[in-house]
C-alpha cells in the first residue's frame, strides 16, 4: 500500500501486486511531490470479508501536494469505489492509461471536483462520473468498456487479444 506520511519528494510506487487492500493509495495530508504511482495491479476476492473490507482505491485528501501525483498504467479489478465523497480534495491528481473493472460498485465515484484534475486515456467498464464528463476532463478515455483482462479475479491483468484498450494509452513525459 502506498501511504506516505506528511511529506514526499520524488516518490515512486511501482510494479506492486496489491490484493484485498482496504484503500491501497492514500495520499492524505501529504505535501511535496511529485509522486508517481505506476505499473501496479490491484484486485480483490469476492468473499464476504473482502467485500466489506475493501472500500476504496484512491484517497487524495488535504495536503496539498506542491507537485502532482501521477497515476499511470495501473490495473484494477474491484468492488470498491474509486473515490469516496470527501476523499478527492487534493487538486494535484493526474491519471493516465489506467484500466478499471468494477463489479458491484459505483465505479470511480469522484464526488469532489477540481479544475486541475487530469484524466486521460483511462479504460473503465462503467460510465465516467458526472464531475469528469461535465468538465471534459477525460477526452480520450474509454468509458463503459470492459478492458478484457485475461483473468482479473485471479490477478492476471494482461489484456486479451482484441481488447479495446490495446494501443489506446498515451506516451507520458514528465
C-alpha atoms as a PDB file:
ATOM      1  CA  UNK A   1       0.000   0.000   0.000  1.00  0.00           C
ATOM      2  CA  UNK A   2       1.227   3.498  -0.853  1.00  0.00           C
ATOM      3  CA  UNK A   3       0.628   5.759   2.131  1.00  0.00           C
ATOM      4  CA  UNK A   4       3.282   8.427   2.569  1.00  0.00           C
ATOM      5  CA  UNK A   5       3.138  10.499   5.737  1.00  0.00           C
ATOM      6  CA  UNK A   6       3.254  14.316   5.812  1.00  0.00           C
ATOM      7  CA  UNK A   7       5.921  14.889   3.123  1.00  0.00           C
ATOM      8  CA  UNK A   8       7.090  13.099  -0.022  1.00  0.00           C
ATOM      9  CA  UNK A   9       9.644  14.057  -2.637  1.00  0.00           C
ATOM     10  CA  UNK A  10      10.022  12.168  -5.932  1.00  0.00           C
ATOM     11  CA  UNK A  11       8.257   9.085  -4.519  1.00  0.00           C
ATOM     12  CA  UNK A  12       7.907   6.141  -6.940  1.00  0.00           C
ATOM     13  CA  UNK A  13       5.468   3.327  -6.088  1.00  0.00           C
ATOM     14  CA  UNK A  14       5.539   0.824  -8.932  1.00  0.00           C
ATOM     15  CA  UNK A  15       5.169  -2.793 -10.107  1.00  0.00           C
ATOM     16  CA  UNK A  16       3.348  -3.955  -6.991  1.00  0.00           C
ATOM     17  CA  UNK A  17       0.666  -6.615  -6.718  1.00  0.00           C
ATOM     18  CA  UNK A  18      -1.906  -5.481  -4.184  1.00  0.00           C
ATOM     19  CA  UNK A  19      -4.588  -7.915  -3.044  1.00  0.00           C
ATOM     20  CA  UNK A  20      -7.579  -7.238  -0.772  1.00  0.00           C
ATOM     21  CA  UNK A  21      -6.243  -3.894   0.453  1.00  0.00           C
ATOM     22  CA  UNK A  22      -8.675  -1.603   2.290  1.00  0.00           C
ATOM     23  CA  UNK A  23      -7.599   1.530   0.387  1.00  0.00           C
ATOM     24  CA  UNK A  24      -4.290   0.970  -1.414  1.00  0.00           C
ATOM     25  CA  UNK A  25      -3.390   4.549  -2.395  1.00  0.00           C
ATOM     26  CA  UNK A  26      -3.770   7.067   0.420  1.00  0.00           C
ATOM     27  CA  UNK A  27      -2.181  10.429  -0.297  1.00  0.00           C
ATOM     28  CA  UNK A  28      -3.768  12.058   2.739  1.00  0.00           C
ATOM     29  CA  UNK A  29      -2.289  15.131   4.373  1.00  0.00           C
ATOM     30  CA  UNK A  30       0.865  14.799   2.262  1.00  0.00           C
ATOM     31  CA  UNK A  31       2.810  17.788   0.988  1.00  0.00           C
ATOM     32  CA  UNK A  32       5.670  17.906  -1.501  1.00  0.00           C
ATOM     33  CA  UNK A  33       5.694  15.698  -4.567  1.00  0.00           C
ATOM     34  CA  UNK A  34       5.840  14.708  -7.242  1.00  0.00           C
ATOM     35  CA  UNK A  35       4.520  11.219  -6.514  1.00  0.00           C
ATOM     36  CA  UNK A  36       4.473   8.545  -9.225  1.00  0.00           C
ATOM     37  CA  UNK A  37       2.187   5.508  -8.918  1.00  0.00           C
ATOM     38  CA  UNK A  38       2.571   3.260 -11.958  1.00  0.00           C
ATOM     39  CA  UNK A  39       2.501  -0.288 -13.247  1.00  0.00           C
ATOM     40  CA  UNK A  40       0.637  -1.666 -10.214  1.00  0.00           C
ATOM     41  CA  UNK A  41      -2.121  -4.264 -10.214  1.00  0.00           C
ATOM     42  CA  UNK A  42      -4.825  -4.193  -7.585  1.00  0.00           C
ATOM     43  CA  UNK A  43      -7.555  -6.774  -7.144  1.00  0.00           C
ATOM     44  CA  UNK A  44      -9.728  -8.381  -4.544  1.00  0.00           C
ATOM     45  CA  UNK A  45     -11.535 -11.606  -3.833  1.00  0.00           C
ATOM     46  CA  UNK A  46     -15.318 -11.806  -3.817  1.00  0.00           C
ATOM     47  CA  UNK A  47     -15.644 -13.395  -0.375  1.00  0.00           C
ATOM     48  CA  UNK A  48     -17.729 -11.574   2.254  1.00  0.00           C
ATOM     49  CA  UNK A  49     -14.677 -10.406   4.239  1.00  0.00           C
ATOM     50  CA  UNK A  50     -13.043  -8.734   1.236  1.00  0.00           C
ATOM     51  CA  UNK A  51     -16.334  -7.254   0.071  1.00  0.00           C
ATOM     52  CA  UNK A  52     -16.720  -5.464   3.418  1.00  0.00           C
ATOM     53  CA  UNK A  53     -13.025  -4.639   3.950  1.00  0.00           C
ATOM     54  CA  UNK A  54     -12.069  -3.215   0.543  1.00  0.00           C
ATOM     55  CA  UNK A  55     -13.813   0.167   0.457  1.00  0.00           C
ATOM     56  CA  UNK A  56     -11.917   2.405  -1.942  1.00  0.00           C
ATOM     57  CA  UNK A  57      -8.927   2.794  -4.240  1.00  0.00           C
ATOM     58  CA  UNK A  58      -7.754   6.388  -4.083  1.00  0.00           C
ATOM     59  CA  UNK A  59      -7.691   8.770  -1.133  1.00  0.00           C
ATOM     60  CA  UNK A  60      -6.410  12.228  -2.087  1.00  0.00           C
ATOM     61  CA  UNK A  61      -7.333  14.427   0.803  1.00  0.00           C
ATOM     62  CA  UNK A  62      -5.792  17.529   2.193  1.00  0.00           C
ATOM     63  CA  UNK A  63      -2.176  18.455   1.693  1.00  0.00           C
ATOM     64  CA  UNK A  64      -1.927  19.966  -0.672  1.00  0.00           C
ATOM     65  CA  UNK A  65       0.827  18.469  -2.731  1.00  0.00           C
ATOM     66  CA  UNK A  66       3.087  21.108  -4.241  1.00  0.00           C
ATOM     67  CA  UNK A  67       3.662  18.923  -7.286  1.00  0.00           C
ATOM     68  CA  UNK A  68       1.292  16.378  -8.869  1.00  0.00           C
ATOM     69  CA  UNK A  69       0.584  12.779  -8.022  1.00  0.00           C
ATOM     70  CA  UNK A  70       0.763  10.891 -11.325  1.00  0.00           C
ATOM     71  CA  UNK A  71      -1.087   7.584 -11.501  1.00  0.00           C
ATOM     72  CA  UNK A  72      -0.492   5.746 -14.756  1.00  0.00           C
ATOM     73  CA  UNK A  73      -0.583   2.273 -16.260  1.00  0.00           C
ATOM     74  CA  UNK A  74      -2.253   0.710 -13.219  1.00  0.00           C
ATOM     75  CA  UNK A  75      -4.912  -2.032 -13.435  1.00  0.00           C
ATOM     76  CA  UNK A  76      -7.824  -2.630 -11.066  1.00  0.00           C
ATOM     77  CA  UNK A  77     -10.437  -5.369 -10.541  1.00  0.00           C
ATOM     78  CA  UNK A  78     -12.566  -4.406  -7.566  1.00  0.00           C
ATOM     79  CA  UNK A  79     -15.949  -3.848  -5.964  1.00  0.00           C
ATOM     80  CA  UNK A  80     -14.652  -0.722  -4.211  1.00  0.00           C
ATOM     81  CA  UNK A  81     -15.495   2.821  -5.240  1.00  0.00           C
ATOM     82  CA  UNK A  82     -12.546   4.663  -6.742  1.00  0.00           C
ATOM     83  CA  UNK A  83     -13.008   7.881  -4.742  1.00  0.00           C
ATOM     84  CA  UNK A  84     -15.331   8.268  -1.760  1.00  0.00           C
ATOM     85  CA  UNK A  85     -17.009  11.594  -1.003  1.00  0.00           C
ATOM     86  CA  UNK A  86     -14.522  13.970   0.613  1.00  0.00           C
ATOM     87  CA  UNK A  87     -11.527  11.888  -0.474  1.00  0.00           C
ATOM     88  CA  UNK A  88     -10.503  13.748  -3.611  1.00  0.00           C
ATOM     89  CA  UNK A  89      -9.902  17.246  -2.293  1.00  0.00           C
ATOM     90  CA  UNK A  90      -6.205  17.421  -3.201  1.00  0.00           C
ATOM     91  CA  UNK A  91      -6.042  19.274  -6.504  1.00  0.00           C
ATOM     92  CA  UNK A  92      -2.863  17.645  -7.836  1.00  0.00           C
ATOM     93  CA  UNK A  93      -4.486  14.466  -9.238  1.00  0.00           C
ATOM     94  CA  UNK A  94      -3.243  13.281 -12.668  1.00  0.00           C
ATOM     95  CA  UNK A  95      -4.457   9.899 -14.017  1.00  0.00           C
ATOM     96  CA  UNK A  96      -3.343   8.399 -17.349  1.00  0.00           C
ATOM     97  CA  UNK A  97      -3.594   4.991 -19.026  1.00  0.00           C
ATOM     98  CA  UNK A  98      -5.260   3.158 -16.124  1.00  0.00           C
ATOM     99  CA  UNK A  99      -7.604   0.201 -16.669  1.00  0.00           C
ATOM    100  CA  UNK A 100     -10.506  -0.346 -14.267  1.00  0.00           C
ATOM    101  CA  UNK A 101     -13.009  -3.175 -13.961  1.00  0.00           C
ATOM    102  CA  UNK A 102     -15.609  -2.529 -11.262  1.00  0.00           C
ATOM    103  CA  UNK A 103     -18.024  -5.224 -10.130  1.00  0.00           C
ATOM    104  CA  UNK A 104     -20.824  -4.410  -7.669  1.00  0.00           C
ATOM    105  CA  UNK A 105     -19.571  -0.848  -7.395  1.00  0.00           C
ATOM    106  CA  UNK A 106     -20.426   2.770  -8.140  1.00  0.00           C
ATOM    107  CA  UNK A 107     -17.275   2.969 -10.242  1.00  0.00           C
ATOM    108  CA  UNK A 108     -14.884   5.861  -9.771  1.00  0.00           C
ATOM    109  CA  UNK A 109     -17.276   7.942  -7.675  1.00  0.00           C
ATOM    110  CA  UNK A 110     -15.307  11.199  -7.625  1.00  0.00           C
ATOM    111  CA  UNK A 111     -17.903  13.298  -5.854  1.00  0.00           C
ATOM    112  CA  UNK A 112     -15.404  16.113  -5.281  1.00  0.00           C
ATOM    113  CA  UNK A 113     -14.081  18.109  -8.202  1.00  0.00           C
ATOM    114  CA  UNK A 114     -11.245  20.424  -9.148  1.00  0.00           C
ATOM    115  CA  UNK A 115     -10.460  22.088 -12.463  1.00  0.00           C
ATOM    116  CA  UNK A 116      -6.873  20.854 -12.082  1.00  0.00           C
ATOM    117  CA  UNK A 117      -7.767  17.129 -12.091  1.00  0.00           C
ATOM    118  CA  UNK A 118      -6.498  15.354 -15.189  1.00  0.00           C
ATOM    119  CA  UNK A 119      -7.756  12.042 -16.516  1.00  0.00           C
ATOM    120  CA  UNK A 120      -6.636  10.843 -19.932  1.00  0.00           C
ATOM    121  CA  UNK A 121      -6.709   7.549 -21.819  1.00  0.00           C
ATOM    122  CA  UNK A 122      -8.205   5.568 -18.953  1.00  0.00           C
ATOM    123  CA  UNK A 123     -10.232   2.459 -19.781  1.00  0.00           C
ATOM    124  CA  UNK A 124     -13.185   1.760 -17.480  1.00  0.00           C
ATOM    125  CA  UNK A 125     -16.122  -0.636 -17.637  1.00  0.00           C
ATOM    126  CA  UNK A 126     -18.643   1.856 -16.208  1.00  0.00           C
ATOM    127  CA  UNK A 127     -19.572   5.457 -17.056  1.00  0.00           C
ATOM    128  CA  UNK A 128     -17.316   8.348 -16.073  1.00  0.00           C
ATOM    129  CA  UNK A 129     -18.501  10.296 -13.042  1.00  0.00           C
ATOM    130  CA  UNK A 130     -20.523  13.403 -13.907  1.00  0.00           C
ATOM    131  CA  UNK A 131     -17.772  15.591 -12.426  1.00  0.00           C
ATOM    132  CA  UNK A 132     -15.383  14.356 -15.118  1.00  0.00           C
ATOM    133  CA  UNK A 133     -17.736  14.416 -18.130  1.00  0.00           C
ATOM    134  CA  UNK A 134     -19.341  17.779 -17.353  1.00  0.00           C
ATOM    135  CA  UNK A 135     -15.881  19.377 -17.244  1.00  0.00           C
ATOM    136  CA  UNK A 136     -14.386  17.454 -20.211  1.00  0.00           C
ATOM    137  CA  UNK A 137     -11.542  16.031 -18.116  1.00  0.00           C
ATOM    138  CA  UNK A 138     -11.264  12.624 -19.812  1.00  0.00           C
ATOM    139  CA  UNK A 139     -11.098  13.395 -23.522  1.00  0.00           C
ATOM    140  CA  UNK A 140      -9.523  10.159 -24.796  1.00  0.00           C
ATOM    141  CA  UNK A 141     -10.678   7.523 -22.335  1.00  0.00           C
ATOM    142  CA  UNK A 142     -12.933   4.566 -22.975  1.00  0.00           C
ATOM    143  CA  UNK A 143     -15.994   4.621 -20.680  1.00  0.00           C
ATOM    144  CA  UNK A 144     -18.377   1.659 -20.490  1.00  0.00           C
ATOM    145  CA  UNK A 145     -15.615  -0.528 -21.912  1.00  0.00           C
ATOM    146  CA  UNK A 146     -14.532  -3.851 -20.445  1.00  0.00           C
ATOM    147  CA  UNK A 147     -10.719  -3.831 -20.571  1.00  0.00           C
ATOM    148  CA  UNK A 148     -10.854  -7.616 -21.095  1.00  0.00           C
ATOM    149  CA  UNK A 149      -8.221  -8.720 -18.613  1.00  0.00           C
ATOM    150  CA  UNK A 150      -7.155 -12.341 -19.081  1.00  0.00           C
ATOM    151  CA  UNK A 151      -8.374 -13.136 -15.540  1.00  0.00           C
ATOM    152  CA  UNK A 152      -8.714 -10.105 -13.260  1.00  0.00           C
ATOM    153  CA  UNK A 153     -10.235 -12.189 -10.462  1.00  0.00           C
ATOM    154  CA  UNK A 154      -7.002 -14.191 -10.299  1.00  0.00           C
ATOM    155  CA  UNK A 155      -4.672 -11.197 -10.721  1.00  0.00           C
ATOM    156  CA  UNK A 156      -3.839 -11.751 -14.407  1.00  0.00           C
ATOM    157  CA  UNK A 157      -4.135  -8.271 -15.852  1.00  0.00           C
ATOM    158  CA  UNK A 158      -2.699  -8.906 -19.271  1.00  0.00           C
ATOM    159  CA  UNK A 159      -5.120  -7.663 -21.891  1.00  0.00           C
ATOM    160  CA  UNK A 160      -6.715 -10.281 -24.107  1.00  0.00           C
ATOM    161  CA  UNK A 161      -6.045 -10.056 -27.845  1.00  0.00           C
ATOM    162  CA  UNK A 162      -8.658  -7.746 -29.285  1.00  0.00           C
ATOM    163  CA  UNK A 163      -9.112  -5.748 -26.070  1.00  0.00           C
ATOM    164  CA  UNK A 164     -10.383  -2.255 -26.939  1.00  0.00           C
ATOM    165  CA  UNK A 165      -7.754  -0.860 -24.544  1.00  0.00           C
ATOM    166  CA  UNK A 166      -4.761  -2.155 -26.521  1.00  0.00           C
ATOM    167  CA  UNK A 167      -2.854   0.765 -28.049  1.00  0.00           C
ATOM    168  CA  UNK A 168      -5.159   3.385 -26.519  1.00  0.00           C
ATOM    169  CA  UNK A 169      -2.730   4.826 -23.959  1.00  0.00           C
ATOM    170  CA  UNK A 170      -0.709   7.956 -24.303  1.00  0.00           C
ATOM    171  CA  UNK A 171       3.069   8.314 -24.130  1.00  0.00           C
ATOM    172  CA  UNK A 172       3.981  10.004 -20.893  1.00  0.00           C
ATOM    173  CA  UNK A 173       6.674  12.600 -20.423  1.00  0.00           C
ATOM    174  CA  UNK A 174       7.443  14.482 -17.248  1.00  0.00           C
END
